[in-house]
N, C-alpha and C. Protein backbone atom coordinates (compact mmCIF):
# COMPACT_ATOMS: atom_id res chain seq x y z
N MET A 1 105.54 125.41 105.58
CA MET A 1 105.06 126.94 105.79
C MET A 1 105.32 127.90 104.71
N PRO A 2 104.89 128.88 104.26
CA PRO A 2 104.95 130.06 103.46
C PRO A 2 105.84 131.61 103.98
N THR A 3 106.49 131.13 103.77
CA THR A 3 107.81 132.72 104.95
C THR A 3 106.85 133.51 104.38
N GLU A 4 105.36 134.41 103.83
CA GLU A 4 104.55 135.50 103.68
C GLU A 4 103.97 134.95 104.32
N PHE A 5 103.46 133.62 104.76
CA PHE A 5 102.45 133.88 105.88
C PHE A 5 103.67 134.46 107.62
N LEU A 6 104.45 134.26 107.56
CA LEU A 6 105.31 134.48 108.84
C LEU A 6 105.02 135.92 109.60
N PRO A 7 105.68 136.13 110.55
CA PRO A 7 105.34 137.75 110.71
C PRO A 7 106.91 138.53 109.82
N GLU A 8 107.19 139.45 109.81
CA GLU A 8 108.30 140.29 109.69
C GLU A 8 109.27 140.06 109.67
N PHE A 9 109.92 140.08 111.34
CA PHE A 9 111.16 139.44 110.91
C PHE A 9 111.82 138.41 111.29
N MET A 10 110.58 137.25 111.15
CA MET A 10 110.93 136.14 111.18
C MET A 10 110.80 135.22 109.51
N GLN A 11 110.18 136.40 108.62
CA GLN A 11 110.59 136.29 107.20
C GLN A 11 112.83 136.74 107.26
N THR A 12 113.15 137.77 108.20
CA THR A 12 113.96 138.36 107.73
C THR A 12 115.61 137.02 108.41
N MET A 13 114.38 136.94 109.52
CA MET A 13 115.65 135.84 110.10
C MET A 13 116.03 134.52 109.60
N GLY A 14 114.95 133.82 108.57
CA GLY A 14 114.61 132.69 107.67
C GLY A 14 114.97 133.34 106.68
N LEU A 15 116.22 133.51 105.88
CA LEU A 15 117.41 134.59 105.56
C LEU A 15 118.47 133.88 105.36
N PHE A 16 118.74 133.77 107.02
CA PHE A 16 120.13 133.39 107.09
C PHE A 16 119.45 131.88 107.68
N LEU A 17 118.94 131.04 107.58
CA LEU A 17 119.32 130.00 106.93
C LEU A 17 119.13 128.67 105.90
N PRO A 18 119.94 127.82 106.18
CA PRO A 18 120.23 127.28 104.82
C PRO A 18 118.42 125.70 104.39
N GLN A 19 118.09 126.17 105.30
CA GLN A 19 116.09 125.88 104.84
C GLN A 19 115.38 126.47 103.49
N TYR A 20 115.63 127.69 104.27
CA TYR A 20 114.75 128.90 103.67
C TYR A 20 115.22 128.94 101.80
N TRP A 21 116.07 128.27 101.96
CA TRP A 21 117.15 128.53 100.40
C TRP A 21 116.87 127.44 99.48
N ALA A 22 116.98 126.37 100.44
CA ALA A 22 117.12 125.14 99.16
C ALA A 22 114.52 124.85 99.13
N GLN A 23 114.60 125.31 100.63
CA GLN A 23 112.52 125.83 99.84
C GLN A 23 112.56 126.66 98.64
N GLN A 24 112.93 128.03 98.56
CA GLN A 24 113.01 128.79 97.82
C GLN A 24 113.51 128.16 96.14
N GLY A 25 114.58 127.13 96.57
CA GLY A 25 114.68 126.12 95.69
C GLY A 25 113.85 125.59 94.64
N PHE A 26 113.78 124.24 95.68
CA PHE A 26 112.38 123.59 95.63
C PHE A 26 111.26 124.47 94.92
N LEU A 27 110.93 125.15 95.88
CA LEU A 27 109.82 125.95 94.83
C LEU A 27 109.62 126.34 93.85
N GLU A 28 110.70 127.40 93.21
CA GLU A 28 111.52 127.75 91.76
C GLU A 28 111.15 126.30 90.41
N VAL A 29 111.22 125.43 91.08
CA VAL A 29 111.27 124.31 89.95
C VAL A 29 110.22 123.67 90.02
N MET A 30 109.71 123.25 91.14
CA MET A 30 108.12 122.86 91.35
C MET A 30 107.21 123.44 90.58
N MET A 31 106.89 124.88 91.47
CA MET A 31 105.95 125.63 91.31
C MET A 31 105.76 126.27 89.95
N TYR A 32 107.24 126.38 89.55
CA TYR A 32 107.71 127.48 88.68
C TYR A 32 108.14 127.61 87.26
N GLY A 33 108.11 125.99 87.63
CA GLY A 33 108.91 125.20 86.34
C GLY A 33 110.60 125.30 85.57
N GLY A 34 111.09 125.90 87.32
CA GLY A 34 112.43 126.69 86.90
C GLY A 34 113.17 125.88 86.83
N GLY A 35 113.97 126.41 85.30
CA GLY A 35 115.06 125.42 85.65
C GLY A 35 116.35 125.28 86.32
N ILE A 36 118.05 124.84 85.72
CA ILE A 36 118.95 124.40 86.89
C ILE A 36 119.72 126.50 86.56
N MET A 37 120.03 127.23 85.94
CA MET A 37 119.93 128.63 86.03
C MET A 37 119.25 129.16 86.62
N ASP A 38 117.96 129.01 87.26
CA ASP A 38 116.59 130.06 87.55
C ASP A 38 117.60 129.71 89.06
N ILE A 39 117.83 128.20 89.91
CA ILE A 39 118.43 127.94 90.93
C ILE A 39 119.56 127.93 91.56
N PHE A 40 120.09 128.27 90.50
CA PHE A 40 121.99 128.54 90.11
C PHE A 40 122.34 129.34 92.09
N MET A 41 121.43 130.74 92.37
CA MET A 41 121.57 131.79 93.14
C MET A 41 121.26 130.66 94.12
N HIS A 42 120.64 130.02 95.00
CA HIS A 42 119.78 129.41 95.89
C HIS A 42 121.00 128.49 95.57
N VAL A 43 121.05 127.54 95.10
CA VAL A 43 122.45 125.70 95.04
C VAL A 43 123.67 126.62 95.37
N GLY A 44 124.24 127.93 94.90
CA GLY A 44 125.68 128.58 95.42
C GLY A 44 125.44 129.00 97.12
N ILE A 45 124.34 129.10 97.69
CA ILE A 45 124.29 129.96 98.62
C ILE A 45 123.96 128.09 99.65
N LEU A 46 123.76 127.73 98.80
CA LEU A 46 123.80 126.16 100.14
C LEU A 46 124.49 125.13 99.77
N LEU A 47 125.63 126.04 99.08
CA LEU A 47 126.94 125.30 98.79
C LEU A 47 127.89 125.89 100.20
N GLY A 48 127.68 126.89 99.75
CA GLY A 48 127.91 128.52 100.99
C GLY A 48 128.36 127.04 102.30
N TYR A 49 127.18 126.91 102.52
CA TYR A 49 126.83 127.16 104.14
C TYR A 49 127.41 125.13 103.59
N ALA A 50 127.36 124.45 103.13
CA ALA A 50 127.76 123.35 103.38
C ALA A 50 130.15 123.84 102.82
N LEU A 51 130.43 124.57 103.11
CA LEU A 51 131.66 125.00 102.99
C LEU A 51 131.94 125.69 104.20
N LEU A 52 131.67 126.17 104.69
CA LEU A 52 131.21 126.67 105.84
C LEU A 52 131.52 126.04 107.10
N GLY A 53 130.54 124.06 107.12
CA GLY A 53 130.05 124.00 108.47
C GLY A 53 131.20 122.84 108.18
N LEU A 54 131.59 122.54 106.59
CA LEU A 54 133.27 121.74 106.23
C LEU A 54 134.00 122.45 106.98
N ALA A 55 134.15 123.65 107.39
CA ALA A 55 135.58 124.43 107.93
C ALA A 55 135.53 124.33 109.27
N ILE A 56 134.19 124.63 110.12
CA ILE A 56 134.02 124.39 111.67
C ILE A 56 134.75 122.86 111.69
N ALA A 57 133.80 121.62 110.85
CA ALA A 57 133.31 120.64 111.66
C ALA A 57 135.91 120.34 111.39
N ILE A 58 136.53 120.49 110.19
CA ILE A 58 137.91 120.61 110.15
C ILE A 58 138.50 120.76 111.36
N LEU A 59 138.01 122.01 111.30
CA LEU A 59 139.19 123.02 112.47
C LEU A 59 138.30 122.02 113.80
N GLY A 60 137.02 121.64 113.76
CA GLY A 60 136.65 120.47 115.01
C GLY A 60 137.62 120.14 116.05
N TYR A 61 137.63 118.68 114.36
CA TYR A 61 138.17 117.48 114.22
C TYR A 61 139.66 118.15 114.89
N ARG A 62 140.53 119.08 113.96
CA ARG A 62 142.18 118.81 114.75
C ARG A 62 142.00 119.26 116.05
N ARG A 63 141.39 120.11 116.90
CA ARG A 63 141.01 121.10 118.36
C ARG A 63 140.67 119.27 118.98
N PHE A 64 140.46 118.38 118.45
CA PHE A 64 139.49 117.00 119.81
C PHE A 64 140.27 116.80 119.18
N LEU A 65 141.32 116.17 117.85
CA LEU A 65 142.29 114.71 118.00
C LEU A 65 143.80 115.87 119.05
N ALA A 66 144.20 116.98 119.09
CA ALA A 66 145.11 117.74 119.60
C ALA A 66 144.93 116.88 121.21
N ALA A 67 143.61 117.25 121.82
CA ALA A 67 143.05 117.20 123.59
C ALA A 67 142.78 115.36 123.46
N ALA A 68 142.62 114.43 122.00
CA ALA A 68 143.10 112.79 122.20
C ALA A 68 143.84 112.82 122.48
N ARG A 69 144.30 113.44 122.30
CA ARG A 69 146.74 113.21 121.83
C ARG A 69 147.29 113.61 123.39
N GLY A 70 146.53 115.21 124.03
CA GLY A 70 147.50 115.00 125.10
C GLY A 70 146.69 115.37 126.52
């Protein structure tokens, strides 16, 4: 669903979700014929989400291992 059709508060909430940035990058390429430099920011934000998720997983795994050993 295009974000333009959503209420303003939902559009603002969408800025904090990785799905929004993936959709915007996809639209840039498919609709507007964008290249890699046009989606550089979108890819960077998605990589940021991936690194944040990896860091949370590593911290959680360390805690899990400590609990499993004890």
